[in-house]
Amino acid sequence: GPSYLDELSRAASQGLSASMAPGSYLYHVGQCQFVHLLTDTSEPEAILQATWLREVMLSLTPREAAAVMVRPAIGIAPFILGKDSVADVLRMAHSACHDARSTESGAGLYSRERG
C-alpha cells in the first residue's frame, strides 16, 4: 500500500543521497521518482553513472521481497540549461525511463533524433 511506497521512497532517497559525491543533489519529483543532475558529462559517462545508481537502488530495498517487486529504471535526458524548459527535461527523462524498462541495464538515454 501507500506506506510501503513511502518506505521505498525514504530508503531510496537516503541511500542515494549517502552514495552521491559531495555537491551532488537529488530531487524528489514524484512517488519513488528522483532527479539527479550531472554537469557537463559525456553520454557514455552518464550511462555508467546511471547503471551505478541503479545498482545502488537495487541494494537499498527495505524488505527482501522488494527486489522481486521493484525494478529501478534510470532515464538520462541531456539538456542545455536555459534552452530547454523544465517540463521538456522532465518529459524527456520520463520517456528515457520508459525505454530503460525494456533494457537489461535498466538505463535509457533520451535521443532528440528519436524524440
N, C-alpha and C. Protein backbone atom coordinates (compact mmCIF):
# COMPACT_ATOMS: atom_id res chain seq x y z
N GLY A 1 0.80 -1.18 0.00
CA GLY A 1 0.00 0.00 0.00
C GLY A 1 0.85 1.26 0.00
N PRO A 2 0.23 2.38 0.28
CA PRO A 2 0.94 3.67 0.26
C PRO A 2 2.11 3.73 1.25
N SER A 3 1.97 3.11 2.42
CA SER A 3 3.06 3.18 3.40
C SER A 3 4.29 2.42 2.89
N TYR A 4 4.07 1.35 2.13
CA TYR A 4 5.18 0.60 1.56
C TYR A 4 5.93 1.46 0.54
N LEU A 5 5.19 2.19 -0.30
CA LEU A 5 5.82 3.08 -1.28
C LEU A 5 6.56 4.21 -0.59
N ASP A 6 5.99 4.73 0.49
CA ASP A 6 6.68 5.77 1.27
C ASP A 6 7.99 5.22 1.83
N GLU A 7 7.95 3.98 2.32
CA GLU A 7 9.15 3.34 2.87
C GLU A 7 10.21 3.16 1.78
N LEU A 8 9.80 2.74 0.58
CA LEU A 8 10.73 2.61 -0.53
C LEU A 8 11.33 3.96 -0.91
N SER A 9 10.49 5.00 -0.99
CA SER A 9 10.98 6.34 -1.33
C SER A 9 12.00 6.83 -0.31
N ARG A 10 11.70 6.64 0.98
CA ARG A 10 12.62 7.07 2.04
C ARG A 10 13.95 6.33 1.93
N ALA A 11 13.89 5.00 1.77
CA ALA A 11 15.11 4.20 1.68
C ALA A 11 15.93 4.61 0.46
N ALA A 12 15.26 4.82 -0.68
CA ALA A 12 15.97 5.22 -1.89
C ALA A 12 16.60 6.60 -1.72
N SER A 13 15.85 7.54 -1.19
CA SER A 13 16.35 8.90 -1.01
C SER A 13 17.56 8.92 -0.09
N GLN A 14 17.47 8.27 1.04
CA GLN A 14 18.57 8.26 2.00
C GLN A 14 19.79 7.53 1.44
N GLY A 15 19.57 6.38 0.82
CA GLY A 15 20.68 5.60 0.28
C GLY A 15 21.36 6.27 -0.89
N LEU A 16 20.56 6.83 -1.80
CA LEU A 16 21.14 7.52 -2.95
C LEU A 16 21.91 8.76 -2.50
N SER A 17 21.33 9.54 -1.61
CA SER A 17 22.00 10.75 -1.12
C SER A 17 23.33 10.40 -0.45
N ALA A 18 23.35 9.33 0.33
CA ALA A 18 24.58 8.92 1.01
C ALA A 18 25.63 8.42 0.03
N SER A 19 25.22 7.91 -1.12
CA SER A 19 26.14 7.35 -2.11
C SER A 19 26.69 8.37 -3.09
N MET A 20 26.10 9.55 -3.11
CA MET A 20 26.48 10.56 -4.09
C MET A 20 27.66 11.39 -3.63
N ALA A 21 28.38 11.93 -4.59
CA ALA A 21 29.54 12.77 -4.30
C ALA A 21 29.10 14.07 -3.63
N PRO A 22 29.97 14.66 -2.83
CA PRO A 22 29.64 15.96 -2.24
C PRO A 22 29.35 16.98 -3.35
N GLY A 23 28.34 17.80 -3.12
CA GLY A 23 27.95 18.78 -4.13
C GLY A 23 26.94 18.27 -5.13
N SER A 24 26.61 16.98 -5.06
CA SER A 24 25.58 16.40 -5.92
C SER A 24 24.23 16.56 -5.23
N TYR A 25 23.20 16.73 -6.03
CA TYR A 25 21.87 16.93 -5.46
C TYR A 25 20.88 15.93 -6.04
N LEU A 26 19.98 15.50 -5.19
CA LEU A 26 18.92 14.57 -5.57
C LEU A 26 17.60 15.27 -5.31
N TYR A 27 16.73 15.30 -6.31
CA TYR A 27 15.43 15.96 -6.17
C TYR A 27 14.34 14.91 -6.25
N HIS A 28 13.40 14.95 -5.32
CA HIS A 28 12.26 14.04 -5.29
C HIS A 28 11.13 14.70 -6.08
N VAL A 29 10.74 14.09 -7.21
CA VAL A 29 9.74 14.71 -8.08
C VAL A 29 8.42 13.95 -8.13
N GLY A 30 8.37 12.79 -7.51
CA GLY A 30 7.14 12.01 -7.50
C GLY A 30 7.34 10.74 -6.70
N GLN A 31 6.26 9.99 -6.54
CA GLN A 31 6.31 8.75 -5.78
C GLN A 31 7.41 7.84 -6.34
N CYS A 32 8.47 7.66 -5.59
CA CYS A 32 9.62 6.84 -5.98
C CYS A 32 10.26 7.33 -7.28
N GLN A 33 10.21 8.63 -7.54
CA GLN A 33 10.84 9.22 -8.71
C GLN A 33 11.76 10.34 -8.27
N PHE A 34 13.01 10.27 -8.75
CA PHE A 34 14.02 11.23 -8.35
C PHE A 34 14.72 11.79 -9.57
N VAL A 35 15.26 12.99 -9.43
CA VAL A 35 16.07 13.61 -10.48
C VAL A 35 17.44 13.89 -9.88
N HIS A 36 18.47 13.49 -10.63
CA HIS A 36 19.85 13.77 -10.25
C HIS A 36 20.49 14.49 -11.43
N LEU A 37 21.01 15.69 -11.20
CA LEU A 37 21.59 16.48 -12.28
C LEU A 37 23.09 16.27 -12.33
N LEU A 38 23.60 16.05 -13.54
CA LEU A 38 25.04 15.95 -13.79
C LEU A 38 25.43 17.12 -14.68
N THR A 39 26.59 17.70 -14.43
CA THR A 39 27.01 18.82 -15.27
C THR A 39 28.11 18.37 -16.23
N ASP A 40 27.96 18.81 -17.46
CA ASP A 40 28.98 18.61 -18.48
C ASP A 40 29.54 17.19 -18.49
N THR A 41 28.67 16.22 -18.63
CA THR A 41 29.04 14.81 -18.62
C THR A 41 28.79 14.21 -20.00
N SER A 42 29.71 13.40 -20.46
CA SER A 42 29.52 12.74 -21.76
C SER A 42 28.42 11.69 -21.64
N GLU A 43 27.83 11.32 -22.78
CA GLU A 43 26.76 10.31 -22.76
C GLU A 43 27.26 8.98 -22.20
N PRO A 44 28.45 8.47 -22.61
CA PRO A 44 28.92 7.21 -22.00
C PRO A 44 29.10 7.31 -20.49
N GLU A 45 29.63 8.44 -20.01
CA GLU A 45 29.81 8.62 -18.56
C GLU A 45 28.45 8.70 -17.85
N ALA A 46 27.48 9.36 -18.47
CA ALA A 46 26.14 9.43 -17.88
C ALA A 46 25.52 8.05 -17.76
N ILE A 47 25.69 7.22 -18.78
CA ILE A 47 25.15 5.86 -18.73
C ILE A 47 25.85 5.05 -17.64
N LEU A 48 27.18 5.18 -17.52
CA LEU A 48 27.89 4.49 -16.44
C LEU A 48 27.38 4.92 -15.07
N GLN A 49 27.19 6.22 -14.87
CA GLN A 49 26.68 6.70 -13.59
C GLN A 49 25.25 6.22 -13.35
N ALA A 50 24.44 6.19 -14.40
CA ALA A 50 23.05 5.72 -14.26
C ALA A 50 23.00 4.26 -13.86
N THR A 51 23.81 3.42 -14.49
CA THR A 51 23.78 2.00 -14.13
C THR A 51 24.33 1.81 -12.72
N TRP A 52 25.30 2.64 -12.31
CA TRP A 52 25.81 2.56 -10.94
C TRP A 52 24.71 2.95 -9.95
N LEU A 53 23.97 4.05 -10.23
CA LEU A 53 22.88 4.47 -9.35
C LEU A 53 21.80 3.39 -9.26
N ARG A 54 21.53 2.73 -10.39
CA ARG A 54 20.54 1.64 -10.38
C ARG A 54 21.00 0.51 -9.46
N GLU A 55 22.27 0.16 -9.51
CA GLU A 55 22.80 -0.88 -8.62
C GLU A 55 22.67 -0.46 -7.16
N VAL A 56 22.93 0.82 -6.89
CA VAL A 56 22.75 1.33 -5.52
C VAL A 56 21.30 1.15 -5.10
N MET A 57 20.36 1.52 -5.98
CA MET A 57 18.93 1.38 -5.64
C MET A 57 18.55 -0.06 -5.41
N LEU A 58 19.07 -0.97 -6.22
CA LEU A 58 18.75 -2.38 -6.03
C LEU A 58 19.24 -2.91 -4.69
N SER A 59 20.32 -2.32 -4.18
CA SER A 59 20.86 -2.78 -2.90
C SER A 59 20.17 -2.15 -1.70
N LEU A 60 19.28 -1.17 -1.92
CA LEU A 60 18.67 -0.42 -0.83
C LEU A 60 17.29 -0.91 -0.41
N THR A 61 16.81 -1.96 -1.01
CA THR A 61 15.44 -2.39 -0.74
C THR A 61 15.24 -2.67 0.74
N PRO A 62 14.18 -2.09 1.34
CA PRO A 62 13.96 -2.23 2.77
C PRO A 62 13.45 -3.61 3.18
N ARG A 63 12.97 -4.36 2.24
CA ARG A 63 12.48 -5.71 2.54
C ARG A 63 13.00 -6.66 1.48
N GLU A 64 13.18 -7.91 1.84
CA GLU A 64 13.68 -8.90 0.90
C GLU A 64 12.80 -9.02 -0.35
N ALA A 65 11.49 -8.93 -0.20
CA ALA A 65 10.57 -9.11 -1.32
C ALA A 65 10.66 -7.96 -2.33
N ALA A 66 11.16 -6.82 -1.91
CA ALA A 66 11.17 -5.66 -2.79
C ALA A 66 12.02 -5.89 -4.03
N ALA A 67 13.09 -6.67 -3.92
CA ALA A 67 13.95 -6.93 -5.08
C ALA A 67 13.17 -7.62 -6.20
N VAL A 68 12.18 -8.41 -5.84
CA VAL A 68 11.36 -9.09 -6.83
C VAL A 68 10.27 -8.16 -7.36
N MET A 69 9.76 -7.29 -6.51
CA MET A 69 8.62 -6.45 -6.87
C MET A 69 9.01 -5.13 -7.54
N VAL A 70 10.24 -4.66 -7.33
CA VAL A 70 10.63 -3.34 -7.82
C VAL A 70 11.84 -3.47 -8.74
N ARG A 71 11.72 -2.85 -9.92
CA ARG A 71 12.84 -2.83 -10.87
C ARG A 71 13.17 -1.37 -11.17
N PRO A 72 14.21 -0.83 -10.54
CA PRO A 72 14.56 0.57 -10.81
C PRO A 72 14.93 0.78 -12.27
N ALA A 73 14.55 1.93 -12.80
CA ALA A 73 14.92 2.32 -14.16
C ALA A 73 15.46 3.74 -14.09
N ILE A 74 16.51 3.99 -14.86
CA ILE A 74 17.15 5.30 -14.88
C ILE A 74 17.00 5.89 -16.28
N GLY A 75 16.40 7.07 -16.36
CA GLY A 75 16.27 7.77 -17.64
C GLY A 75 17.26 8.92 -17.69
N ILE A 76 18.00 9.01 -18.78
CA ILE A 76 19.00 10.06 -18.95
C ILE A 76 18.50 11.03 -20.01
N ALA A 77 18.43 12.31 -19.64
CA ALA A 77 17.91 13.34 -20.55
C ALA A 77 18.92 14.48 -20.66
N PRO A 78 19.76 14.46 -21.70
CA PRO A 78 20.70 15.57 -21.89
C PRO A 78 19.93 16.86 -22.19
N PHE A 79 20.36 17.98 -21.59
CA PHE A 79 19.69 19.25 -21.85
C PHE A 79 20.68 20.39 -21.69
N ILE A 80 20.30 21.52 -22.23
CA ILE A 80 21.11 22.74 -22.12
C ILE A 80 20.39 23.70 -21.19
N LEU A 81 21.05 24.04 -20.10
CA LEU A 81 20.48 24.94 -19.11
C LEU A 81 20.11 26.27 -19.77
N GLY A 82 18.87 26.69 -19.57
CA GLY A 82 18.39 27.94 -20.14
C GLY A 82 17.77 27.79 -21.52
N LYS A 83 18.04 26.68 -22.19
CA LYS A 83 17.47 26.45 -23.52
C LYS A 83 16.23 25.55 -23.45
N ASP A 84 16.35 24.46 -22.71
CA ASP A 84 15.23 23.52 -22.58
C ASP A 84 14.40 23.87 -21.35
N SER A 85 13.09 23.79 -21.48
CA SER A 85 12.22 24.09 -20.34
C SER A 85 12.26 22.93 -19.34
N VAL A 86 11.93 23.23 -18.10
CA VAL A 86 11.89 22.21 -17.07
C VAL A 86 10.91 21.10 -17.46
N ALA A 87 9.75 21.47 -17.97
CA ALA A 87 8.75 20.49 -18.39
C ALA A 87 9.30 19.57 -19.47
N ASP A 88 10.03 20.14 -20.44
CA ASP A 88 10.62 19.32 -21.50
C ASP A 88 11.67 18.36 -20.96
N VAL A 89 12.49 18.83 -20.03
CA VAL A 89 13.53 17.97 -19.44
C VAL A 89 12.88 16.81 -18.70
N LEU A 90 11.86 17.09 -17.89
CA LEU A 90 11.18 16.01 -17.17
C LEU A 90 10.48 15.06 -18.13
N ARG A 91 9.89 15.58 -19.20
CA ARG A 91 9.24 14.72 -20.19
C ARG A 91 10.27 13.81 -20.87
N MET A 92 11.43 14.37 -21.23
CA MET A 92 12.49 13.58 -21.86
C MET A 92 13.00 12.50 -20.90
N ALA A 93 13.19 12.85 -19.64
CA ALA A 93 13.66 11.88 -18.65
C ALA A 93 12.62 10.77 -18.45
N HIS A 94 11.35 11.15 -18.42
CA HIS A 94 10.28 10.16 -18.27
C HIS A 94 10.27 9.20 -19.47
N SER A 95 10.42 9.74 -20.66
CA SER A 95 10.47 8.92 -21.87
C SER A 95 11.67 7.97 -21.83
N ALA A 96 12.82 8.49 -21.38
CA ALA A 96 14.02 7.65 -21.28
C ALA A 96 13.82 6.54 -20.25
N CYS A 97 13.09 6.82 -19.17
CA CYS A 97 12.79 5.78 -18.17
C CYS A 97 11.96 4.66 -18.78
N HIS A 98 10.99 5.04 -19.61
CA HIS A 98 10.19 4.00 -20.28
C HIS A 98 11.08 3.12 -21.15
N ASP A 99 12.00 3.73 -21.88
CA ASP A 99 12.94 2.95 -22.69
C ASP A 99 13.82 2.08 -21.81
N ALA A 100 14.24 2.60 -20.67
CA ALA A 100 15.13 1.87 -19.77
C ALA A 100 14.48 0.60 -19.24
N ARG A 101 13.19 0.61 -19.06
CA ARG A 101 12.49 -0.58 -18.54
C ARG A 101 12.60 -1.76 -19.49
N SER A 102 12.86 -1.50 -20.77
CA SER A 102 12.96 -2.60 -21.74
C SER A 102 14.40 -3.03 -21.98
N THR A 103 15.36 -2.45 -21.24
CA THR A 103 16.76 -2.83 -21.43
C THR A 103 17.24 -3.65 -20.24
N GLU A 104 18.25 -4.46 -20.49
CA GLU A 104 18.82 -5.28 -19.43
C GLU A 104 19.54 -4.43 -18.39
N SER A 105 20.17 -3.34 -18.84
CA SER A 105 20.93 -2.49 -17.91
C SER A 105 20.02 -1.64 -17.03
N GLY A 106 18.78 -1.38 -17.47
CA GLY A 106 17.87 -0.56 -16.71
C GLY A 106 18.13 0.93 -16.85
N ALA A 107 18.96 1.31 -17.83
CA ALA A 107 19.27 2.72 -18.08
C ALA A 107 18.94 3.05 -19.53
N GLY A 108 18.28 4.18 -19.73
CA GLY A 108 17.93 4.61 -21.08
C GLY A 108 18.33 6.05 -21.31
N LEU A 109 18.79 6.36 -22.52
CA LEU A 109 19.24 7.69 -22.88
C LEU A 109 18.25 8.28 -23.88
N TYR A 110 17.71 9.47 -23.55
CA TYR A 110 16.78 10.15 -24.46
C TYR A 110 17.54 10.62 -25.69
N SER A 111 16.98 10.34 -26.84
CA SER A 111 17.58 10.77 -28.10
C SER A 111 16.67 11.79 -28.77
N ARG A 112 17.18 12.98 -29.01
CA ARG A 112 16.38 14.01 -29.67
C ARG A 112 15.99 13.59 -31.09
N GLU A 113 16.81 12.77 -31.72
CA GLU A 113 16.51 12.29 -33.07
C GLU A 113 15.28 11.37 -33.07
N ARG A 114 15.17 10.54 -32.02
CA ARG A 114 14.01 9.63 -31.92
C ARG A 114 12.82 10.32 -31.30
N GLY A 115 13.09 11.36 -30.41
CA GLY A 115 12.13 12.10 -29.63
C GLY A 115 10.76 12.00 -30.10
